[in-house]
Structure formats: structure tokens, C-alpha cells
Protein backbone atom coordinates (compact mmCIF):
# COMPACT_ATOMS: atom_id res chain seq x y z
CA MET A 1 274.43 96.53 111.59
CA SER A 2 276.94 99.33 112.58
CA ASP A 3 277.53 100.33 116.26
CA GLN A 4 275.83 103.55 115.62
CA LEU A 5 272.68 101.85 114.27
CA GLU A 6 272.64 99.34 116.87
CA LEU A 7 272.56 102.17 119.44
CA LEU A 8 269.32 103.31 117.82
CA THR A 9 267.60 100.01 118.59
CA ARG A 10 267.94 100.32 122.33
CA PRO A 11 265.43 101.46 124.84
CA THR A 12 265.64 104.98 126.34
CA GLU A 13 263.83 107.08 128.92
CA PHE A 14 261.05 107.96 126.47
CA LEU A 15 261.34 105.03 124.05
CA ASP A 16 260.66 102.64 126.88
CA TYR A 17 259.64 99.59 124.75
CA GLU A 18 260.75 97.10 127.44
CA THR A 19 257.56 97.94 129.33
CA ASP A 20 254.66 95.71 129.34
CA ALA A 21 252.37 98.42 127.78
CA VAL A 22 254.51 98.92 124.72
CA GLN A 23 254.99 95.16 124.30
CA ALA A 24 251.36 94.59 124.52
CA PHE A 25 250.73 97.23 121.88
CA ILE A 26 253.25 95.53 119.49
CA ASP A 27 251.54 92.18 120.07
CA HIS A 28 248.28 93.58 119.09
CA ALA A 29 249.69 95.51 116.08
CA VAL A 30 252.05 92.91 114.43
CA LYS A 31 250.99 89.55 113.14
CA ASP A 32 254.49 88.04 113.26
CA ARG A 33 257.40 89.61 114.98
CA SER A 34 259.82 87.39 112.86
CA ALA A 35 258.55 88.91 109.68
CA ASP A 36 260.79 91.21 107.61
CA ARG A 37 261.39 94.66 109.07
CA THR A 38 259.63 96.56 106.31
CA THR A 39 256.36 94.52 106.93
CA ASN A 40 256.57 95.02 110.73
CA ALA A 41 257.16 98.78 110.35
CA ILE A 42 254.24 99.16 108.13
CA GLU A 43 252.00 97.37 110.62
CA LEU A 44 253.08 99.27 113.44
CA TYR A 45 252.65 102.53 111.45
CA TYR A 46 248.97 101.89 110.86
CA ALA A 47 248.55 100.71 114.59
CA VAL A 48 250.01 103.85 115.72
CA ARG A 49 248.12 106.01 113.11
CA ASP A 50 244.80 104.58 113.78
CA ASP A 51 244.58 102.84 117.06
CA VAL A 52 245.92 105.81 119.10
CA PHE A 53 243.55 108.69 118.66
CA TYR A 54 244.86 112.00 117.77
CA GLU A 55 243.73 114.46 120.45
CA VAL A 56 245.32 117.82 121.27
CA TYR A 57 243.25 118.63 124.29
CA GLY A 58 244.48 117.59 127.87
CA ALA A 59 247.46 115.79 126.56
CA PRO A 60 250.18 115.31 129.08
CA LEU A 61 253.56 117.12 128.46
CA SER A 62 255.49 115.85 131.52
CA ARG A 63 258.53 113.64 131.13
CA GLU A 64 256.16 110.60 132.00
CA GLY A 65 253.33 111.85 129.89
CA LEU A 66 255.56 111.77 126.76
CA ARG A 67 256.91 108.25 127.33
CA ALA A 68 255.89 105.57 124.85
CA SER A 69 254.45 103.43 127.36
CA THR A 70 252.02 106.14 128.67
CA THR A 71 250.76 106.52 124.99
CA ALA A 72 250.59 102.87 124.66
CA THR A 73 248.33 102.79 127.72
CA THR A 74 246.09 105.81 127.05
CA LYS A 75 245.96 105.19 123.15
CA GLU A 76 245.58 109.13 122.91
CA GLY A 77 247.69 111.89 122.01
CA PHE A 78 249.12 114.11 119.39
CA CYS A 79 252.18 114.11 117.24
CA LEU A 80 254.76 114.35 120.07
CA HIS A 81 253.25 111.30 121.79
CA LYS A 82 252.50 109.27 118.64
CA SER A 83 256.09 109.80 117.17
CA ALA A 84 257.64 108.42 120.24
CA LEU A 85 255.54 105.53 120.47
CA TYR A 86 256.23 104.51 116.85
CA ALA A 87 259.93 104.97 117.38
CA ALA A 88 259.81 102.80 120.53
CA CYS A 89 257.90 100.00 118.83
CA VAL A 90 260.04 99.70 115.83
CA ARG A 91 263.23 99.59 117.94
CA ALA A 92 261.69 96.76 119.84
CA LEU A 93 261.75 94.68 116.54
CA GLY A 94 265.28 95.55 115.77
CA ILE A 95 264.64 98.63 113.48
CA PRO A 96 266.64 101.74 114.29
CA SER A 97 264.64 104.88 114.71
CA ARG A 98 265.16 108.62 115.48
CA LEU A 99 262.77 111.43 116.27
CA VAL A 100 262.46 114.44 113.96
CA TYR A 101 261.05 117.90 114.79
CA GLY A 102 260.04 120.77 112.71
CA ASP A 103 257.52 123.40 112.08
CA VAL A 104 254.53 122.70 109.60
CA ARG A 105 251.73 124.54 108.36
CA ASN A 106 248.88 122.46 109.62
CA HIS A 107 245.46 122.37 107.75
CA LEU A 108 243.84 119.89 110.25
CA ALA A 109 242.75 122.28 112.90
CA SER A 110 239.69 123.91 114.30
CA PRO A 111 239.21 127.57 114.83
CA ARG A 112 239.59 127.05 118.67
CA LEU A 113 242.77 125.12 118.21
CA LEU A 114 244.23 127.75 115.76
CA SER A 115 243.54 130.34 118.53
CA HIS A 116 245.23 128.37 121.13
CA ILE A 117 248.30 127.63 118.71
CA GLY A 118 248.51 131.36 117.60
CA GLY A 119 248.15 130.78 113.89
CA ASP A 120 248.41 127.71 111.55
CA VAL A 121 252.15 126.96 112.12
CA PHE A 122 252.62 124.14 114.40
CA PHE A 123 255.72 122.53 116.24
CA HIS A 124 255.62 119.01 114.95
CA GLY A 125 256.95 115.68 115.56
CA LEU A 126 257.60 112.61 113.50
CA THR A 127 259.75 109.47 113.09
CA GLN A 128 262.67 108.23 110.95
CA VAL A 129 263.10 104.51 110.47
CA TYR A 130 266.14 102.87 108.94
CA LEU A 131 264.89 100.25 106.37
CA ASN A 132 266.72 98.46 103.56
CA GLY A 133 269.81 100.65 104.00
CA THR A 134 268.14 104.01 104.10
CA TRP A 135 266.37 106.38 106.46
CA VAL A 136 262.74 106.90 105.77
CA LYS A 137 260.42 109.51 107.49
CA ALA A 138 257.19 108.15 108.85
CA THR A 139 254.29 110.19 110.19
CA PRO A 140 251.69 108.06 111.96
CA VAL A 141 249.88 110.89 113.45
CA PHE A 142 246.34 111.80 112.04
CA ASN A 143 244.11 108.88 112.39
CA LYS A 144 241.96 107.95 109.41
CA MET A 145 238.65 109.01 111.05
CA LEU A 146 239.82 112.46 112.09
CA CYS A 147 241.23 113.09 108.67
CA LYS A 148 237.79 112.21 107.13
CA LEU A 149 236.15 114.64 109.44
CA TYR A 150 238.53 117.40 108.46
CA GLY A 151 238.45 116.73 104.75
CA MET A 152 241.89 115.31 104.44
CA GLU A 153 243.35 112.02 103.14
CA ALA A 154 245.18 109.86 105.73
CA LEU A 155 248.75 109.63 105.21
CA GLU A 156 250.01 106.31 104.06
CA PHE A 157 253.35 104.55 104.47
CA ASP A 158 254.89 101.77 102.19
CA GLY A 159 258.33 101.46 104.05
CA VAL A 160 260.12 102.92 101.06
CA SER A 161 259.00 106.62 100.48
CA ASP A 162 258.84 109.39 103.09
CA SER A 163 255.41 109.75 104.71
CA LEU A 164 255.49 113.42 105.26
CA TYR A 165 253.01 115.56 103.54
CA HIS A 166 249.33 115.24 104.52
CA PRO A 167 247.34 115.56 101.27
CA PHE A 168 244.08 117.21 101.10
CA ALA A 169 240.84 115.23 100.29
CA GLU A 170 239.56 118.24 98.11
CA GLY A 171 241.18 121.01 96.04
CA GLY A 172 244.79 119.43 96.01
CA GLY A 173 247.81 120.63 97.94
CA SER A 174 249.20 119.29 101.12
CA MET A 175 250.52 120.13 104.64
CA GLU A 176 253.62 122.32 104.30
CA PHE A 177 256.83 121.41 106.04
CA LEU A 178 258.53 124.64 106.93
CA THR A 179 261.48 124.07 109.19
CA ASP A 180 263.44 120.93 109.91
CA HIS A 181 264.92 121.02 113.57
CA GLY A 182 266.80 117.79 113.13
CA ALA A 183 266.85 114.20 114.18
CA PHE A 184 267.33 113.05 117.75
CA ASP A 185 268.04 109.55 119.41
CA ASP A 186 265.46 110.22 122.20
CA VAL A 187 262.79 112.76 122.85
CA PRO A 188 265.01 115.98 123.57
CA TYR A 189 262.55 116.97 126.44
CA ASP A 190 263.90 120.27 127.20
CA PHE A 191 264.11 121.42 123.57
CA VAL A 192 260.67 120.11 122.94
CA MET A 193 259.23 121.94 126.03
CA SER A 194 261.24 125.15 125.17
CA ALA A 195 259.64 125.10 121.63
CA MET A 196 256.18 124.40 122.91
CA ARG A 197 256.37 127.46 125.42
CA SER A 198 257.93 129.87 123.02
CA LYS A 199 255.95 128.97 119.87
CA HIS A 200 252.47 128.06 121.47
CA PRO A 201 252.14 129.53 125.11
CA ARG A 202 248.38 129.77 124.88
CA PHE A 203 248.25 125.94 124.08
CA LEU A 204 249.67 124.97 127.45
CA ASP A 205 247.58 124.51 130.63
CA ASP A 206 248.32 126.74 133.67
CA GLU A 207 250.85 124.39 135.18
CA GLY A 208 252.71 124.05 131.93
CA ASN A 209 252.66 120.16 132.09
CA GLY A 210 250.08 119.68 129.52
CA THR A 211 247.77 121.28 126.97
CA VAL A 212 244.61 123.06 127.55
CA ARG A 213 241.76 121.00 128.57
CA GLY A 214 238.02 120.78 127.47
CA GLY A 215 236.47 119.58 124.23
CA ARG A 216 237.49 117.26 121.60
CA LEU A 217 239.16 118.11 118.20
CA ALA A 218 236.85 115.61 116.47
CA ASP A 219 233.80 117.35 117.82
CA GLU A 220 235.16 120.73 116.61
CA SER A 221 235.41 119.55 112.94
CA ALA A 222 231.80 120.65 112.33
CA LEU A 223 233.07 124.33 112.77
CA THR A 224 235.56 124.12 109.97
CA ARG A 225 232.70 123.35 107.37
């Protein structure tokens, strides 16, 4: 492994995999830490996707709130939280990772959420992992149950192909990836918060340290039917 890739396996402020919370999450998710990297990356993908519930309301956006250890403890968050947790977990098993940010047209949303966001274009976070000599995008964000409620297929990951475009359950089509803001070695906190404040000011709470509170996205799925 090159020196640059080795740097991308180290813990950081936000990818704090040396903590007990992240280590416990990995122990629960992975059958054998000594298994090949692709197997472990896939197991961790599904653990982050389905064992950490996707919730947009009342989500912490402080520096502590976006750390992998916080999400591993609360087992709740949205793309910014889940992508960081996944990036931290794979690094703990020697798999290089980076965080990727972009703008997407998101179809898993309630009328209330769309109002807070200001439309259907969302600032979005996902993960890149280095497997078998190449970078692969992974998006362990929308858990299977929530996808079913919103009439979407859960996004799968095989460790070989990019896991990027959430397919619809009915009518064809998929989530649209509009803008790629690049890959980062750690959560670029100031950039992320600047993007959230400029793109989604009505989505933030009064203090600006989290998202609006009240309600559950799963409960709002009935309003989309």
C-alpha cells in the first residue's frame, strides 16, 4: 500500500474508529475481521445502511455530532452521519476511504422535508472505498425499511461497482446525481456547514447546530401516497 493510501486508513477527528463505540459497531457488523477486505466492506455497508436508521429531524450537526463515534452510539442520522461512520469503520479494518459530497435530486422525501430543504435538490454525502486496486463509491444511507415506505428499492453494494443511484421501486428511474464537490480525507466541517447554511437554511434549527426537530421521516411517508 502506498504512503498516500496508508494515510487514508488512519483515524481522524471525525473518523474516530479507535473509540469504543465504533469498535463495538464493527464487532457487531463483521463476522471475521481477518476476512478479505471486500467481504468486510460489504458487511459493514449493510450494517451502516440498515442498523443505523435514516432520520433527518433533530440530527446533530456540531463537530461532535458528526463524528463516527456519535453515530455509532445513537444509531441514527442522515447521509452526513452515515457516510462518516462507514468511512471510519472500513478504515479500522485497513481499507482506505474518503468522503464524497455532491448535490442530488432526492425522491425519498416527504412534503414537509421538501419544504424545509427548499426543493428536491439536496446536499449529499457518501463514501469512497479502495478495494482491489480501485476506488468504488458506496452509499449506505437509506435503510431498507424506509425505502420500502417511500416506494424505492434499497441501494445494494457488491464491493466492485459504484453504489450511487437509488432506483425507484415503481416506474423506473433513479436518484439523480447533479454535482460532485469532490473527495475529502476527513469531514470538511466548515465546507459542509457552509453548504448546509447556504443551500438549506430552513432545514437548520435556530442555533444552527442541528436540523429542525419534531416528527419522523418514516411517519411522513403516508403523506407521499
